[in-house]
Amino acid sequence: MAANGHVNLGGDAVTSIGSAWAAATVTIVRDGHDAVITHDTLVIARIRIDPRHRYQNRSTWKPTLSERS
């Protein structure tokens, strides 16, 4: 993960989960065009990868930083 919160989803696909997560250890689980980004047991983002685009928009749902603890 980059300091600006960008995450490589594999292949050419990237997304951003926000710079507040930059120091966190995240796990990316990818199944075909579906990806889930987690931190411990918290789901940070669910993404349907569009192979026509390098940058992937994540779902509008986003946990607050207070949910990280």
Protein backbone atom coordinates (compact mmCIF):
# COMPACT_ATOMS: atom_id res chain seq x y z
CA MET A 1 0.00 0.00 0.00
CA ALA A 2 1.26 3.46 -0.87
CA ALA A 3 1.46 6.32 1.63
CA ASN A 4 -1.45 8.02 -0.15
CA GLY A 5 -3.71 5.00 0.45
CA HIS A 6 -3.53 3.52 -3.05
CA VAL A 7 -3.75 -0.26 -3.15
CA ASN A 8 -2.74 -2.59 -5.99
CA LEU A 9 -5.54 -5.09 -6.58
CA GLY A 10 -3.49 -7.29 -8.89
CA GLY A 11 -2.80 -6.94 -12.57
CA ASP A 12 -3.23 -3.30 -13.59
CA ALA A 13 -6.10 -2.58 -11.15
CA VAL A 14 -5.61 -0.03 -8.35
CA THR A 15 -7.91 1.73 -5.94
CA SER A 16 -7.61 4.05 -2.95
CA ILE A 17 -8.83 3.37 0.56
CA GLY A 18 -7.57 6.69 1.93
CA SER A 19 -4.32 7.90 3.42
CA ALA A 20 -5.60 7.27 6.95
CA TRP A 21 -5.16 3.55 6.24
CA ALA A 22 -1.60 3.92 4.88
CA ALA A 23 0.08 2.61 8.04
CA ALA A 24 -2.35 -0.29 8.45
CA THR A 25 -1.74 -3.84 7.30
CA VAL A 26 -4.51 -4.81 4.90
CA THR A 27 -5.47 -8.05 3.21
CA ILE A 28 -6.81 -8.17 -0.34
CA VAL A 29 -8.88 -11.17 -1.36
CA ARG A 30 -9.63 -11.34 -5.06
CA ASP A 31 -11.88 -13.77 -6.90
CA GLY A 32 -12.03 -12.94 -10.59
CA HIS A 33 -13.39 -9.40 -10.84
CA ASP A 34 -14.46 -9.20 -7.19
CA ALA A 35 -12.11 -7.90 -4.50
CA VAL A 36 -12.47 -7.32 -0.78
CA ILE A 37 -10.00 -5.27 1.28
CA THR A 38 -9.87 -5.99 5.01
CA HIS A 39 -7.96 -4.88 8.08
CA ASP A 40 -8.08 -7.58 10.75
CA THR A 41 -11.82 -8.47 10.74
CA LEU A 42 -13.04 -5.12 9.37
CA VAL A 43 -14.10 -4.97 5.72
CA ILE A 44 -12.74 -1.68 4.37
CA ALA A 45 -13.97 -1.96 0.78
CA ARG A 46 -15.76 -4.24 -1.62
CA ILE A 47 -14.90 -3.71 -5.26
CA ARG A 48 -16.17 -5.08 -8.57
CA ILE A 49 -13.16 -4.69 -10.87
CA ASP A 50 -13.88 -3.26 -14.30
CA PRO A 51 -11.03 -4.53 -16.51
CA ARG A 52 -11.56 -1.60 -18.91
CA HIS A 53 -10.20 0.82 -16.29
CA ARG A 54 -6.94 0.90 -14.33
CA TYR A 55 -8.37 2.92 -11.41
CA GLN A 56 -11.24 1.17 -9.65
CA ASN A 57 -13.89 3.09 -7.73
CA ARG A 58 -14.78 1.39 -4.49
CA SER A 59 -18.27 1.03 -3.14
CA THR A 60 -19.75 4.07 -1.48
CA TRP A 61 -19.77 2.23 1.87
CA LYS A 62 -16.69 3.08 3.89
CA PRO A 63 -16.08 2.31 7.58
CA THR A 64 -15.16 5.20 9.82
CA LEU A 65 -11.71 5.27 11.36
CA SER A 66 -13.29 4.75 14.81
CA GLU A 67 -14.43 1.31 13.60
CA ARG A 68 -10.78 0.33 13.17
CA SER A 69 -10.32 -0.21 16.92
